[in-house]
């Protein structure tokens, strides 16, 4: 019974570090983009304007992919970390690299992601989402000892 309590406390400790990192990651993602994802998503659900609805879908795909990508990195960090500090460091690395991937994508593409998503280009939102997920998978695989 005592070992089960220890496992539960370990679970809760890692959860108490992981969830805030995910929250900070979401904040950083929304802070570093010039468009406001949550506002676009909200406005798209309260209108019949096709452009606003498309912008909401594009923003939801983009932000959702970033969150999934970061969650994949955090899952790997939890699995591989040797301490809570180690988890925190890898979590921060994951957030930083997910943001860098977005801006590398912005720099390399012939279009501007930061203007396409608010304009309702759902294809760009989906592509950005998949790129974030792929980056998360690769970053997760790189966390090892």
Protein backbone atom coordinates (compact mmCIF):
# COMPACT_ATOMS: atom_id res chain seq x y z
CA UNK A 1 0.00 0.00 0.00
CA UNK A 2 2.80 2.42 0.86
CA UNK A 3 4.40 1.88 -2.54
CA UNK A 4 1.11 2.77 -4.24
CA UNK A 5 1.01 6.05 -2.32
CA UNK A 6 4.56 6.76 -3.44
CA UNK A 7 3.58 6.11 -7.06
CA UNK A 8 0.55 8.35 -6.73
CA UNK A 9 2.66 11.14 -5.20
CA UNK A 10 5.18 10.76 -8.03
CA UNK A 11 2.34 10.94 -10.57
CA UNK A 12 0.93 14.06 -8.92
CA UNK A 13 4.38 15.69 -8.73
CA UNK A 14 5.03 15.16 -12.44
CA UNK A 15 1.50 16.27 -13.27
CA UNK A 16 2.01 19.44 -11.20
CA UNK A 17 5.05 20.29 -13.35
CA UNK A 18 3.73 19.11 -16.73
CA UNK A 19 0.35 20.88 -16.79
CA UNK A 20 1.81 24.33 -16.03
CA UNK A 21 4.47 23.83 -18.73
CA UNK A 22 1.69 23.02 -21.19
CA UNK A 23 -0.21 26.13 -20.05
CA UNK A 24 2.89 28.31 -20.37
CA UNK A 25 3.50 26.78 -23.81
CA UNK A 26 -0.02 27.72 -24.94
CA UNK A 27 0.51 31.23 -23.59
CA UNK A 28 3.86 31.53 -25.38
CA UNK A 29 2.36 30.23 -28.64
CA UNK A 30 -0.47 32.78 -28.52
CA UNK A 31 1.86 35.58 -27.38
CA UNK A 32 4.46 35.05 -30.12
CA UNK A 33 2.03 35.10 -33.05
CA UNK A 34 0.71 38.46 -34.24
CA UNK A 35 -2.81 37.10 -34.62
CA UNK A 36 -4.94 36.18 -31.63
CA UNK A 37 -5.89 32.52 -31.96
CA UNK A 38 -8.57 32.44 -29.27
CA UNK A 39 -10.18 35.61 -30.59
CA UNK A 40 -10.25 34.22 -34.14
CA UNK A 41 -11.74 30.96 -32.88
CA UNK A 42 -14.37 32.77 -30.81
CA UNK A 43 -15.31 35.15 -33.62
CA UNK A 44 -15.66 32.27 -36.06
CA UNK A 45 -18.20 30.53 -33.91
CA UNK A 46 -20.39 33.59 -33.51
CA UNK A 47 -20.91 34.56 -37.14
CA UNK A 48 -22.15 33.50 -40.52
CA UNK A 49 -19.21 35.25 -42.23
CA UNK A 50 -17.37 32.54 -44.20
CA UNK A 51 -14.03 34.35 -43.92
CA UNK A 52 -14.26 34.55 -40.11
CA UNK A 53 -15.34 30.92 -39.92
CA UNK A 54 -12.38 29.87 -42.10
CA UNK A 55 -9.98 31.98 -40.01
CA UNK A 56 -11.33 30.26 -36.89
CA UNK A 57 -10.70 26.83 -38.43
CA UNK A 58 -7.21 27.80 -39.56
CA UNK A 59 -6.34 29.18 -36.12
CA UNK A 60 -7.80 26.12 -34.37
CA UNK A 61 -5.75 23.77 -36.54
CA UNK A 62 -2.59 25.81 -36.03
CA UNK A 63 -2.90 26.16 -32.26
CA UNK A 64 -4.18 22.61 -31.85
CA UNK A 65 -1.16 21.22 -33.68
CA UNK A 66 1.19 23.24 -31.50
CA UNK A 67 -0.52 21.91 -28.37
CA UNK A 68 -0.38 18.30 -29.60
CA UNK A 69 3.27 18.71 -30.62
CA UNK A 70 4.17 20.11 -27.22
CA UNK A 71 2.19 17.38 -25.44
CA UNK A 72 4.18 14.76 -27.36
CA UNK A 73 7.43 16.41 -26.26
CA UNK A 74 6.21 16.63 -22.68
CA UNK A 75 5.16 12.98 -22.71
CA UNK A 76 8.64 11.99 -23.79
CA UNK A 77 10.16 14.34 -21.21
CA UNK A 78 8.10 12.72 -18.44
CA UNK A 79 9.13 9.27 -19.63
CA UNK A 80 12.85 10.07 -19.90
CA UNK A 81 13.38 12.58 -17.12
CA UNK A 82 15.34 11.61 -14.07
CA UNK A 83 13.90 14.38 -11.89
CA UNK A 84 11.33 17.13 -11.84
CA UNK A 85 14.04 19.66 -12.71
CA UNK A 86 15.00 17.54 -15.70
CA UNK A 87 11.34 17.51 -16.79
CA UNK A 88 11.14 21.28 -16.40
CA UNK A 89 14.25 21.83 -18.51
CA UNK A 90 13.07 19.52 -21.31
CA UNK A 91 9.62 21.11 -21.19
CA UNK A 92 11.09 24.57 -21.66
CA UNK A 93 13.29 23.27 -24.48
CA UNK A 94 10.16 21.83 -26.12
CA UNK A 95 8.30 25.14 -25.95
CA UNK A 96 11.26 27.09 -27.33
CA UNK A 97 11.80 24.69 -30.22
CA UNK A 98 8.10 24.55 -31.11
CA UNK A 99 8.09 28.35 -31.41
CA UNK A 100 11.31 28.23 -33.46
CA UNK A 101 9.77 25.65 -35.81
CA UNK A 102 6.81 27.96 -36.41
CA UNK A 103 9.04 30.90 -37.30
CA UNK A 104 11.32 28.73 -39.43
CA UNK A 105 8.17 27.62 -41.28
CA UNK A 106 7.17 31.29 -41.63
CA UNK A 107 10.60 32.17 -43.00
CA UNK A 108 10.91 29.26 -45.46
CA UNK A 109 7.49 29.30 -47.07
CA UNK A 110 6.67 31.48 -50.08
CA UNK A 111 3.63 32.80 -48.21
CA UNK A 112 3.30 34.49 -44.83
CA UNK A 113 1.66 32.20 -42.30
CA UNK A 114 0.97 35.13 -39.98
CA UNK A 115 -1.25 36.74 -42.61
CA UNK A 116 -2.74 33.59 -44.18
CA UNK A 117 -4.27 32.18 -40.99
CA UNK A 118 -6.21 35.35 -40.02
CA UNK A 119 -7.33 35.60 -43.66
CA UNK A 120 -8.92 32.18 -43.39
CA UNK A 121 -6.47 30.00 -45.29
CA UNK A 122 -7.41 26.71 -43.65
CA UNK A 123 -4.85 24.81 -45.73
CA UNK A 124 -2.03 26.81 -44.14
CA UNK A 125 -3.49 26.19 -40.68
CA UNK A 126 -3.67 22.45 -41.33
CA UNK A 127 -0.14 22.38 -42.77
CA UNK A 128 1.20 24.36 -39.79
CA UNK A 129 -0.59 21.95 -37.47
CA UNK A 130 0.96 18.89 -39.06
CA UNK A 131 4.38 20.52 -39.03
CA UNK A 132 4.05 21.20 -35.29
CA UNK A 133 3.03 17.60 -34.64
CA UNK A 134 5.93 16.30 -36.74
CA UNK A 135 8.33 18.61 -34.90
CA UNK A 136 6.93 17.37 -31.59
CA UNK A 137 7.52 13.76 -32.59
CA UNK A 138 11.09 14.50 -33.65
CA UNK A 139 11.85 16.56 -30.55
CA UNK A 140 10.37 13.82 -28.36
CA UNK A 141 12.60 11.22 -29.98
CA UNK A 142 15.65 13.40 -29.33
CA UNK A 143 15.07 13.32 -25.56
CA UNK A 144 17.09 10.36 -24.36
CA UNK A 145 19.94 9.43 -22.07
